[in-house]
Amino acid sequence: MSTTYPLMGEIVTVSARLYRHNEGRHKDGNGYLRQWLQRDLRKPRAGWVIGVRKLKEGKYRPGYGPEDPGSLRVDNTIEAYLVSFWPTMRGIFVHPDAIIDVEGGTPVSPSKWSWDSASEKDKERWSECMRDEMADVPRDSKGRWVYA
């Protein structure tokens, strides 16, 4: 039986992310409590839903080698969406309650040199620089650039 997720591949706007918090790390080998907590983003961002995960919470007991592997006693599971803000960025876990807008938004390039985040003055300066650079490139009779 396969489960379908209607948000898969859609652009959503999110306001918070989930991160793993390990509480009560003990040196005596009793392990620690693993939880997933929510942290607000500085400002809401749009991104693509690229997956769905079941995040496990519970008590983790570390192992001490192949004969004694570590174990996680699962007390709770949380369904989270995996959202990527840009195609080359790693996705983050997002609780379904942190999705503000399912209709989308516009993902913004993370680069400080992106065209979307540039001021009008920078855009004009960059355009002028590109025009000047291509003005010296020879063209054929149809106006196409000819590279030697």
Foldseek 3Di string as FASTA:
>chain_A
DDDDDVQAFAKFKFFKFWDWDWPDADPVQQFTWIDIDIDTDPGIFIFGFHAKDKAFTAGKGDADDPVGHIDGDGDDIAIWTFTDLDPVDGTTTHHPVRTDGSNHDDRDDPDPPDPVNDDPVVVVVVVVVVCVVCVPFDADPVRHGDDD
